[in-house]
Amino acid sequence: MAEKEKNKPIFKVRSGNMAISVFSNTAKKDNKEFSYNSVVLQRSYLKKDGDAKKNDDWIREVINFRPNDLIKLLTVLNKTQEFLFLKGDLKEVEE
């Protein structure tokens, strides 16, 4: 039995330690095959006192979204950024 080929993203964008990938998927329902997209948000950071050259010293947090979730996510992120900016707390924190 052949090993299933790994699904590669059809789109990927990165900014610093944040990345979003879009995957094209297929599924069957009622004997009909259909395709859909899924969105994966990934945040990567180095373990405390980790070695950037060692792949296993990196932490990767992953969250999956449906395409319809993106506008909701964008809305809550913008509102949060606005709140923090107006409060004066919008500054980068070292991890």
PDB file of N, CA and C in Angstrom:
ATOM      1  N   MET A   1       0.841  -1.175   0.000  1.00  0.00           N
ATOM      2  CA  MET A   1       0.000   0.000   0.000  1.00  0.00           C
ATOM      3  C   MET A   1       0.892   1.246   0.000  1.00  0.00           C
ATOM      4  N   ALA A   2       0.668   2.119  -0.928  1.00  0.00           N
ATOM      5  CA  ALA A   2       1.488   3.331  -1.044  1.00  0.00           C
ATOM      6  C   ALA A   2       1.131   4.322   0.053  1.00  0.00           C
ATOM      7  N   GLU A   3       2.164   4.979   0.550  1.00  0.00           N
ATOM      8  CA  GLU A   3       1.948   5.977   1.590  1.00  0.00           C
ATOM      9  C   GLU A   3       1.256   7.200   0.985  1.00  0.00           C
ATOM     10  N   LYS A   4       0.283   7.743   1.700  1.00  0.00           N
ATOM     11  CA  LYS A   4      -0.466   8.891   1.209  1.00  0.00           C
ATOM     12  C   LYS A   4       0.466  10.098   1.069  1.00  0.00           C
ATOM     13  N   GLU A   5       0.372  10.780  -0.073  1.00  0.00           N
ATOM     14  CA  GLU A   5       1.203  11.943  -0.330  1.00  0.00           C
ATOM     15  C   GLU A   5       0.802  13.077   0.602  1.00  0.00           C
ATOM     16  N   LYS A   6       1.791  13.760   1.158  1.00  0.00           N
ATOM     17  CA  LYS A   6       1.532  14.861   2.078  1.00  0.00           C
ATOM     18  C   LYS A   6       0.888  16.034   1.330  1.00  0.00           C
ATOM     19  N   ASN A   7      -0.180  16.547   1.890  1.00  0.00           N
ATOM     20  CA  ASN A   7      -0.895  17.677   1.311  1.00  0.00           C
ATOM     21  C   ASN A   7      -0.057  18.945   1.515  1.00  0.00           C
ATOM     22  N   LYS A   8       0.354  19.572   0.440  1.00  0.00           N
ATOM     23  CA  LYS A   8       1.161  20.792   0.529  1.00  0.00           C
ATOM     24  C   LYS A   8       0.257  22.004   0.366  1.00  0.00           C
ATOM     25  N   PRO A   9       0.627  23.130   0.990  1.00  0.00           N
ATOM     26  CA  PRO A   9      -0.214  24.327   0.885  1.00  0.00           C
ATOM     27  C   PRO A   9      -0.274  24.858  -0.545  1.00  0.00           C
ATOM     28  N   ILE A  10      -1.443  25.405  -0.895  1.00  0.00           N
ATOM     29  CA  ILE A  10      -1.601  26.051  -2.195  1.00  0.00           C
ATOM     30  C   ILE A  10      -1.241  27.533  -2.099  1.00  0.00           C
ATOM     31  N   PHE A  11      -1.122  28.019  -0.873  1.00  0.00           N
ATOM     32  CA  PHE A  11      -0.740  29.416  -0.626  1.00  0.00           C
ATOM     33  C   PHE A  11      -0.118  29.468   0.755  1.00  0.00           C
ATOM     34  N   LYS A  12       0.942  30.298   0.887  1.00  0.00           N
ATOM     35  CA  LYS A  12       1.583  30.468   2.187  1.00  0.00           C
ATOM     36  C   LYS A  12       2.150  31.871   2.272  1.00  0.00           C
ATOM     37  N   VAL A  13       1.952  32.522   3.413  1.00  0.00           N
ATOM     38  CA  VAL A  13       2.509  33.842   3.647  1.00  0.00           C
ATOM     39  C   VAL A  13       3.048  33.871   5.078  1.00  0.00           C
ATOM     40  N   ARG A  14       4.175  34.574   5.242  1.00  0.00           N
ATOM     41  CA  ARG A  14       4.832  34.634   6.553  1.00  0.00           C
ATOM     42  C   ARG A  14       5.182  36.073   6.879  1.00  0.00           C
ATOM     43  N   SER A  15       5.062  36.403   8.142  1.00  0.00           N
ATOM     44  CA  SER A  15       5.523  37.694   8.663  1.00  0.00           C
ATOM     45  C   SER A  15       6.168  37.411  10.010  1.00  0.00           C
ATOM     46  N   GLY A  16       7.495  37.502  10.040  1.00  0.00           N
ATOM     47  CA  GLY A  16       8.208  37.195  11.287  1.00  0.00           C
ATOM     48  C   GLY A  16       7.966  35.759  11.699  1.00  0.00           C
ATOM     49  N   ASN A  17       7.486  35.575  12.927  1.00  0.00           N
ATOM     50  CA  ASN A  17       7.259  34.228  13.437  1.00  0.00           C
ATOM     51  C   ASN A  17       5.828  33.721  13.200  1.00  0.00           C
ATOM     52  N   MET A  18       5.035  34.478  12.428  1.00  0.00           N
ATOM     53  CA  MET A  18       3.654  34.090  12.125  1.00  0.00           C
ATOM     54  C   MET A  18       3.568  33.660  10.657  1.00  0.00           C
ATOM     55  N   ALA A  19       2.808  32.597  10.403  1.00  0.00           N
ATOM     56  CA  ALA A  19       2.615  32.126   9.032  1.00  0.00           C
ATOM     57  C   ALA A  19       1.184  31.629   8.868  1.00  0.00           C
ATOM     58  N   ILE A  20       0.644  31.827   7.683  1.00  0.00           N
ATOM     59  CA  ILE A  20      -0.664  31.281   7.333  1.00  0.00           C
ATOM     60  C   ILE A  20      -0.497  30.469   6.061  1.00  0.00           C
ATOM     61  N   SER A  21      -1.086  29.272   6.070  1.00  0.00           N
ATOM     62  CA  SER A  21      -1.077  28.390   4.912  1.00  0.00           C
ATOM     63  C   SER A  21      -2.511  28.037   4.563  1.00  0.00           C
ATOM     64  N   VAL A  22      -2.777  27.928   3.259  1.00  0.00           N
ATOM     65  CA  VAL A  22      -4.088  27.501   2.773  1.00  0.00           C
ATOM     66  C   VAL A  22      -3.899  26.150   2.084  1.00  0.00           C
ATOM     67  N   PHE A  23      -4.741  25.201   2.470  1.00  0.00           N
ATOM     68  CA  PHE A  23      -4.682  23.863   1.905  1.00  0.00           C
ATOM     69  C   PHE A  23      -5.963  23.568   1.144  1.00  0.00           C
ATOM     70  N   SER A  24      -5.825  22.889   0.018  1.00  0.00           N
ATOM     71  CA  SER A  24      -6.970  22.402  -0.741  1.00  0.00           C
ATOM     72  C   SER A  24      -7.188  20.954  -0.339  1.00  0.00           C
ATOM     73  N   ASN A  25      -8.415  20.618   0.043  1.00  0.00           N
ATOM     74  CA  ASN A  25      -8.735  19.281   0.524  1.00  0.00           C
ATOM     75  C   ASN A  25      -9.897  18.709  -0.271  1.00  0.00           C
ATOM     76  N   THR A  26     -10.010  17.393  -0.260  1.00  0.00           N
ATOM     77  CA  THR A  26     -11.166  16.736  -0.860  1.00  0.00           C
ATOM     78  C   THR A  26     -11.758  15.790   0.172  1.00  0.00           C
ATOM     79  N   ALA A  27     -13.062  15.610   0.065  1.00  0.00           N
ATOM     80  CA  ALA A  27     -13.769  14.703   0.962  1.00  0.00           C
ATOM     81  C   ALA A  27     -14.940  14.103   0.217  1.00  0.00           C
ATOM     82  N   LYS A  28     -15.500  13.035   0.770  1.00  0.00           N
ATOM     83  CA  LYS A  28     -16.672  12.400   0.184  1.00  0.00           C
ATOM     84  C   LYS A  28     -17.827  12.492   1.159  1.00  0.00           C
ATOM     85  N   LYS A  29     -18.989  12.818   0.624  1.00  0.00           N
ATOM     86  CA  LYS A  29     -20.220  12.833   1.414  1.00  0.00           C
ATOM     87  C   LYS A  29     -21.329  12.335   0.506  1.00  0.00           C
ATOM     88  N   ASP A  30     -22.071  11.354   0.986  1.00  0.00           N
ATOM     89  CA  ASP A  30     -23.142  10.746   0.190  1.00  0.00           C
ATOM     90  C   ASP A  30     -22.623  10.281  -1.171  1.00  0.00           C
ATOM     91  N   ASN A  31     -21.460   9.659  -1.165  1.00  0.00           N
ATOM     92  CA  ASN A  31     -20.804   9.152  -2.377  1.00  0.00           C
ATOM     93  C   ASN A  31     -20.467  10.227  -3.403  1.00  0.00           C
ATOM     94  N   LYS A  32     -20.437  11.478  -2.982  1.00  0.00           N
ATOM     95  CA  LYS A  32     -20.033  12.572  -3.870  1.00  0.00           C
ATOM     96  C   LYS A  32     -18.766  13.197  -3.309  1.00  0.00           C
ATOM     97  N   GLU A  33     -17.802  13.368  -4.209  1.00  0.00           N
ATOM     98  CA  GLU A  33     -16.552  13.991  -3.797  1.00  0.00           C
ATOM     99  C   GLU A  33     -16.669  15.504  -3.962  1.00  0.00           C
ATOM    100  N   PHE A  34     -16.175  16.233  -2.973  1.00  0.00           N
ATOM    101  CA  PHE A  34     -16.172  17.693  -3.056  1.00  0.00           C
ATOM    102  C   PHE A  34     -14.852  18.218  -2.517  1.00  0.00           C
ATOM    103  N   SER A  35     -14.540  19.430  -2.898  1.00  0.00           N
ATOM    104  CA  SER A  35     -13.295  20.043  -2.419  1.00  0.00           C
ATOM    105  C   SER A  35     -13.619  21.242  -1.539  1.00  0.00           C
ATOM    106  N   TYR A  36     -12.704  21.515  -0.642  1.00  0.00           N
ATOM    107  CA  TYR A  36     -12.838  22.645   0.274  1.00  0.00           C
ATOM    108  C   TYR A  36     -11.443  23.105   0.679  1.00  0.00           C
ATOM    109  N   ASN A  37     -11.355  24.310   1.177  1.00  0.00           N
ATOM    110  CA  ASN A  37     -10.081  24.854   1.647  1.00  0.00           C
ATOM    111  C   ASN A  37     -10.072  24.910   3.162  1.00  0.00           C
ATOM    112  N   SER A  38      -8.889  24.792   3.722  1.00  0.00           N
ATOM    113  CA  SER A  38      -8.705  25.001   5.155  1.00  0.00           C
ATOM    114  C   SER A  38      -7.530  25.964   5.335  1.00  0.00           C
ATOM    115  N   VAL A  39      -7.571  26.721   6.414  1.00  0.00           N
ATOM    116  CA  VAL A  39      -6.567  27.742   6.694  1.00  0.00           C
ATOM    117  C   VAL A  39      -5.875  27.382   8.006  1.00  0.00           C
ATOM    118  N   VAL A  40      -4.542  27.414   7.996  1.00  0.00           N
ATOM    119  CA  VAL A  40      -3.764  27.064   9.171  1.00  0.00           C
ATOM    120  C   VAL A  40      -2.905  28.262   9.567  1.00  0.00           C
ATOM    121  N   LEU A  41      -3.075  28.704  10.795  1.00  0.00           N
ATOM    122  CA  LEU A  41      -2.259  29.779  11.369  1.00  0.00           C
ATOM    123  C   LEU A  41      -1.205  29.132  12.243  1.00  0.00           C
ATOM    124  N   GLN A  42       0.055  29.509  12.047  1.00  0.00           N
ATOM    125  CA  GLN A  42       1.148  28.937  12.832  1.00  0.00           C
ATOM    126  C   GLN A  42       1.994  30.038  13.429  1.00  0.00           C
ATOM    127  N   ARG A  43       2.296  29.898  14.709  1.00  0.00           N
ATOM    128  CA  ARG A  43       3.202  30.806  15.407  1.00  0.00           C
ATOM    129  C   ARG A  43       4.372  29.972  15.889  1.00  0.00           C
ATOM    130  N   SER A  44       5.587  30.361  15.528  1.00  0.00           N
ATOM    131  CA  SER A  44       6.783  29.624  15.908  1.00  0.00           C
ATOM    132  C   SER A  44       7.662  30.493  16.796  1.00  0.00           C
ATOM    133  N   TYR A  45       8.255  29.857  17.790  1.00  0.00           N
ATOM    134  CA  TYR A  45       9.215  30.571  18.627  1.00  0.00           C
ATOM    135  C   TYR A  45      10.196  29.583  19.234  1.00  0.00           C
ATOM    136  N   LEU A  46      11.349  30.086  19.585  1.00  0.00           N
ATOM    137  CA  LEU A  46      12.434  29.281  20.122  1.00  0.00           C
ATOM    138  C   LEU A  46      12.200  29.011  21.606  1.00  0.00           C
ATOM    139  N   LYS A  47      12.456  27.778  22.033  1.00  0.00           N
ATOM    140  CA  LYS A  47      12.372  27.449  23.458  1.00  0.00           C
ATOM    141  C   LYS A  47      13.346  28.332  24.227  1.00  0.00           C
ATOM    142  N   LYS A  48      13.002  28.632  25.466  1.00  0.00           N
ATOM    143  CA  LYS A  48      13.906  29.418  26.304  1.00  0.00           C
ATOM    144  C   LYS A  48      15.237  28.677  26.387  1.00  0.00           C
ATOM    145  N   ASP A  49      16.319  29.382  26.152  1.00  0.00           N
ATOM    146  CA  ASP A  49      17.667  28.820  26.132  1.00  0.00           C
ATOM    147  C   ASP A  49      17.840  27.756  25.049  1.00  0.00           C
ATOM    148  N   GLY A  50      17.013  27.814  23.998  1.00  0.00           N
ATOM    149  CA  GLY A  50      17.104  26.842  22.908  1.00  0.00           C
ATOM    150  C   GLY A  50      18.151  27.245  21.886  1.00  0.00           C
ATOM    151  N   ASP A  51      18.469  26.328  21.018  1.00  0.00           N
ATOM    152  CA  ASP A  51      19.424  26.533  19.939  1.00  0.00           C
ATOM    153  C   ASP A  51      18.646  26.652  18.628  1.00  0.00           C
ATOM    154  N   ALA A  52      18.713  27.819  17.985  1.00  0.00           N
ATOM    155  CA  ALA A  52      17.946  28.078  16.762  1.00  0.00           C
ATOM    156  C   ALA A  52      18.302  27.098  15.647  1.00  0.00           C
ATOM    157  N   LYS A  53      19.476  26.485  15.715  1.00  0.00           N
ATOM    158  CA  LYS A  53      19.893  25.552  14.665  1.00  0.00           C
ATOM    159  C   LYS A  53      19.292  24.164  14.853  1.00  0.00           C
ATOM    160  N   LYS A  54      18.777  23.880  16.049  1.00  0.00           N
ATOM    161  CA  LYS A  54      18.164  22.583  16.318  1.00  0.00           C
ATOM    162  C   LYS A  54      16.665  22.691  16.076  1.00  0.00           C
ATOM    163  N   ASN A  55      16.184  21.896  15.140  1.00  0.00           N
ATOM    164  CA  ASN A  55      14.771  21.950  14.764  1.00  0.00           C
ATOM    165  C   ASN A  55      13.848  21.635  15.944  1.00  0.00           C
ATOM    166  N   ASP A  56      14.280  20.745  16.851  1.00  0.00           N
ATOM    167  CA  ASP A  56      13.412  20.363  17.965  1.00  0.00           C
ATOM    168  C   ASP A  56      13.433  21.370  19.115  1.00  0.00           C
ATOM    169  N   ASP A  57      14.187  22.459  18.983  1.00  0.00           N
ATOM    170  CA  ASP A  57      14.169  23.522  19.987  1.00  0.00           C
ATOM    171  C   ASP A  57      13.132  24.592  19.657  1.00  0.00           C
ATOM    172  N   TRP A  58      12.412  24.411  18.572  1.00  0.00           N
ATOM    173  CA  TRP A  58      11.381  25.371  18.170  1.00  0.00           C
ATOM    174  C   TRP A  58      10.007  24.876  18.609  1.00  0.00           C
ATOM    175  N   ILE A  59       9.197  25.796  19.105  1.00  0.00           N
ATOM    176  CA  ILE A  59       7.806  25.502  19.456  1.00  0.00           C
ATOM    177  C   ILE A  59       6.936  26.018  18.317  1.00  0.00           C
ATOM    178  N   ARG A  60       5.987  25.206  17.884  1.00  0.00           N
ATOM    179  CA  ARG A  60       5.062  25.612  16.824  1.00  0.00           C
ATOM    180  C   ARG A  60       3.640  25.441  17.330  1.00  0.00           C
ATOM    181  N   GLU A  61       2.933  26.562  17.433  1.00  0.00           N
ATOM    182  CA  GLU A  61       1.530  26.536  17.810  1.00  0.00           C
ATOM    183  C   GLU A  61       0.708  26.638  16.531  1.00  0.00           C
ATOM    184  N   VAL A  62      -0.258  25.765  16.375  1.00  0.00           N
ATOM    185  CA  VAL A  62      -1.036  25.711  15.145  1.00  0.00           C
ATOM    186  C   VAL A  62      -2.526  25.782  15.470  1.00  0.00           C
ATOM    187  N   ILE A  63      -3.246  26.614  14.713  1.00  0.00           N
ATOM    188  CA  ILE A  63      -4.699  26.719  14.828  1.00  0.00           C
ATOM    189  C   ILE A  63      -5.278  26.600  13.427  1.00  0.00           C
ATOM    190  N   ASN A  64      -6.304  25.781  13.283  1.00  0.00           N
ATOM    191  CA  ASN A  64      -6.964  25.586  11.997  1.00  0.00           C
ATOM    192  C   ASN A  64      -8.261  26.391  11.947  1.00  0.00           C
ATOM    193  N   PHE A  65      -8.531  26.984  10.782  1.00  0.00           N
ATOM    194  CA  PHE A  65      -9.731  27.778  10.566  1.00  0.00           C
ATOM    195  C   PHE A  65     -10.404  27.366   9.273  1.00  0.00           C
ATOM    196  N   ARG A  66     -11.691  27.629   9.208  1.00  0.00           N
ATOM    197  CA  ARG A  66     -12.423  27.537   7.943  1.00  0.00           C
ATOM    198  C   ARG A  66     -12.306  28.895   7.265  1.00  0.00           C
ATOM    199  N   PRO A  67     -12.391  28.953   5.943  1.00  0.00           N
ATOM    200  CA  PRO A  67     -12.315  30.255   5.263  1.00  0.00           C
ATOM    201  C   PRO A  67     -13.339  31.265   5.782  1.00  0.00           C
ATOM    202  N   ASN A  68     -14.526  30.813   6.164  1.00  0.00           N
ATOM    203  CA  ASN A  68     -15.548  31.733   6.678  1.00  0.00           C
ATOM    204  C   ASN A  68     -15.177  32.339   8.035  1.00  0.00           C
ATOM    205  N   ASP A  69     -14.215  31.728   8.735  1.00  0.00           N
ATOM    206  CA  ASP A  69     -13.778  32.252  10.026  1.00  0.00           C
ATOM    207  C   ASP A  69     -12.853  33.463   9.882  1.00  0.00           C
ATOM    208  N   LEU A  70     -12.261  33.641   8.705  1.00  0.00           N
ATOM    209  CA  LEU A  70     -11.221  34.663   8.548  1.00  0.00           C
ATOM    210  C   LEU A  70     -11.732  36.083   8.790  1.00  0.00           C
ATOM    211  N   ILE A  71     -12.916  36.415   8.306  1.00  0.00           N
ATOM    212  CA  ILE A  71     -13.429  37.769   8.517  1.00  0.00           C
ATOM    213  C   ILE A  71     -13.700  38.004  10.000  1.00  0.00           C
ATOM    214  N   LYS A  72     -14.166  36.980  10.689  1.00  0.00           N
ATOM    215  CA  LYS A  72     -14.398  37.097  12.136  1.00  0.00           C
ATOM    216  C   LYS A  72     -13.070  37.266  12.872  1.00  0.00           C
ATOM    217  N   LEU A  73     -12.083  36.493  12.472  1.00  0.00           N
ATOM    218  CA  LEU A  73     -10.753  36.590  13.072  1.00  0.00           C
ATOM    219  C   LEU A  73     -10.158  37.970  12.832  1.00  0.00           C
ATOM    220  N   LEU A  74     -10.268  38.448  11.604  1.00  0.00           N
ATOM    221  CA  LEU A  74      -9.757  39.773  11.266  1.00  0.00           C
ATOM    222  C   LEU A  74     -10.445  40.852  12.096  1.00  0.00           C
ATOM    223  N   THR A  75     -11.732  40.734  12.262  1.00  0.00           N
ATOM    224  CA  THR A  75     -12.494  41.709  13.043  1.00  0.00           C
ATOM    225  C   THR A  75     -12.032  41.741  14.498  1.00  0.00           C
ATOM    226  N   VAL A  76     -11.913  40.580  15.125  1.00  0.00           N
ATOM    227  CA  VAL A  76     -11.516  40.574  16.538  1.00  0.00           C
ATOM    228  C   VAL A  76     -10.055  40.997  16.708  1.00  0.00           C
ATOM    229  N   LEU A  77      -9.197  40.660  15.747  1.00  0.00           N
ATOM    230  CA  LEU A  77      -7.804  41.110  15.822  1.00  0.00           C
ATOM    231  C   LEU A  77      -7.710  42.631  15.690  1.00  0.00           C
ATOM    232  N   ASN A  78      -8.465  43.204  14.747  1.00  0.00           N
ATOM    233  CA  ASN A  78      -8.454  44.661  14.578  1.00  0.00           C
ATOM    234  C   ASN A  78      -8.990  45.375  15.810  1.00  0.00           C
ATOM    235  N   LYS A  79     -10.066  44.852  16.393  1.00  0.00           N
ATOM    236  CA  LYS A  79     -10.636  45.463  17.604  1.00  0.00           C
ATOM    237  C   LYS A  79      -9.647  45.384  18.767  1.00  0.00           C
ATOM    238  N   THR A  80      -8.958  44.269  18.885  1.00  0.00           N
ATOM    239  CA  THR A  80      -7.967  44.108  19.949  1.00  0.00           C
ATOM    240  C   THR A  80      -6.793  45.055  19.752  1.00  0.00           C
ATOM    241  N   GLN A  81      -6.314  45.174  18.510  1.00  0.00           N
ATOM    242  CA  GLN A  81      -5.219  46.093  18.219  1.00  0.00           C
ATOM    243  C   GLN A  81      -5.647  47.532  18.523  1.00  0.00           C
ATOM    244  N   GLU A  82      -6.853  47.899  18.130  1.00  0.00           N
ATOM    245  CA  GLU A  82      -7.366  49.242  18.399  1.00  0.00           C
ATOM    246  C   GLU A  82      -7.432  49.503  19.901  1.00  0.00           C
ATOM    247  N   PHE A  83      -7.944  48.548  20.677  1.00  0.00           N
ATOM    248  CA  PHE A  83      -8.028  48.689  22.126  1.00  0.00           C
ATOM    249  C   PHE A  83      -6.642  48.909  22.729  1.00  0.00           C
ATOM    250  N   LEU A  84      -5.683  48.072  22.339  1.00  0.00           N
ATOM    251  CA  LEU A  84      -4.338  48.172  22.902  1.00  0.00           C
ATOM    252  C   LEU A  84      -3.644  49.461  22.465  1.00  0.00           C
ATOM    253  N   PHE A  85      -3.860  49.886  21.226  1.00  0.00           N
ATOM    254  CA  PHE A  85      -3.260  51.125  20.737  1.00  0.00           C
ATOM    255  C   PHE A  85      -3.800  52.317  21.507  1.00  0.00           C
ATOM    256  N   LEU A  86      -5.113  52.377  21.671  1.00  0.00           N
ATOM    257  CA  LEU A  86      -5.716  53.507  22.379  1.00  0.00           C
ATOM    258  C   LEU A  86      -5.344  53.494  23.861  1.00  0.00           C
ATOM    259  N   LYS A  87      -5.126  52.320  24.421  1.00  0.00           N
ATOM    260  CA  LYS A  87      -4.727  52.185  25.824  1.00  0.00           C
ATOM    261  C   LYS A  87      -3.239  52.509  25.998  1.00  0.00           C
ATOM    262  N   GLY A  88      -2.486  52.459  24.904  1.00  0.00           N
ATOM    263  CA  GLY A  88      -1.060  52.748  24.966  1.00  0.00           C
ATOM    264  C   GLY A  88      -0.204  51.526  25.253  1.00  0.00           C
ATOM    265  N   ASP A  89      -0.773  50.342  25.138  1.00  0.00           N
ATOM    266  CA  ASP A  89      -0.049  49.122  25.453  1.00  0.00           C
ATOM    267  C   ASP A  89       0.448  48.361  24.232  1.00  0.00           C
ATOM    268  N   LEU A  90       0.396  48.978  23.074  1.00  0.00           N
ATOM    269  CA  LEU A  90       0.780  48.259  21.862  1.00  0.00           C
ATOM    270  C   LEU A  90       2.280  48.322  21.667  1.00  0.00           C
ATOM    271  N   LYS A  91       2.953  47.372  22.306  1.00  0.00           N
ATOM    272  CA  LYS A  91       4.399  47.272  22.170  1.00  0.00           C
ATOM    273  C   LYS A  91       4.760  45.796  22.139  1.00  0.00           C
ATOM    274  N   GLU A  92       5.847  45.490  21.504  1.00  0.00           N
ATOM    275  CA  GLU A  92       6.283  44.103  21.373  1.00  0.00           C
ATOM    276  C   GLU A  92       6.882  43.623  22.678  1.00  0.00           C
ATOM    277  N   VAL A  93       6.532  42.398  23.049  1.00  0.00           N
ATOM    278  CA  VAL A  93       7.053  41.788  24.265  1.00  0.00           C
ATOM    279  C   VAL A  93       7.995  40.679  23.861  1.00  0.00           C
ATOM    280  N   GLU A  94       9.166  40.635  24.475  1.00  0.00           N
ATOM    281  CA  GLU A  94      10.119  39.573  24.175  1.00  0.00           C
ATOM    282  C   GLU A  94       9.637  38.278  24.781  1.00  0.00           C
ATOM    283  N   GLU A  95       9.873  37.184  24.071  1.00  0.00           N
ATOM    284  CA  GLU A  95       9.444  35.877  24.562  1.00  0.00           C
ATOM    285  C   GLU A  95      10.600  35.126  25.151  1.00  0.00           C
TER     286      GLU A  95
END
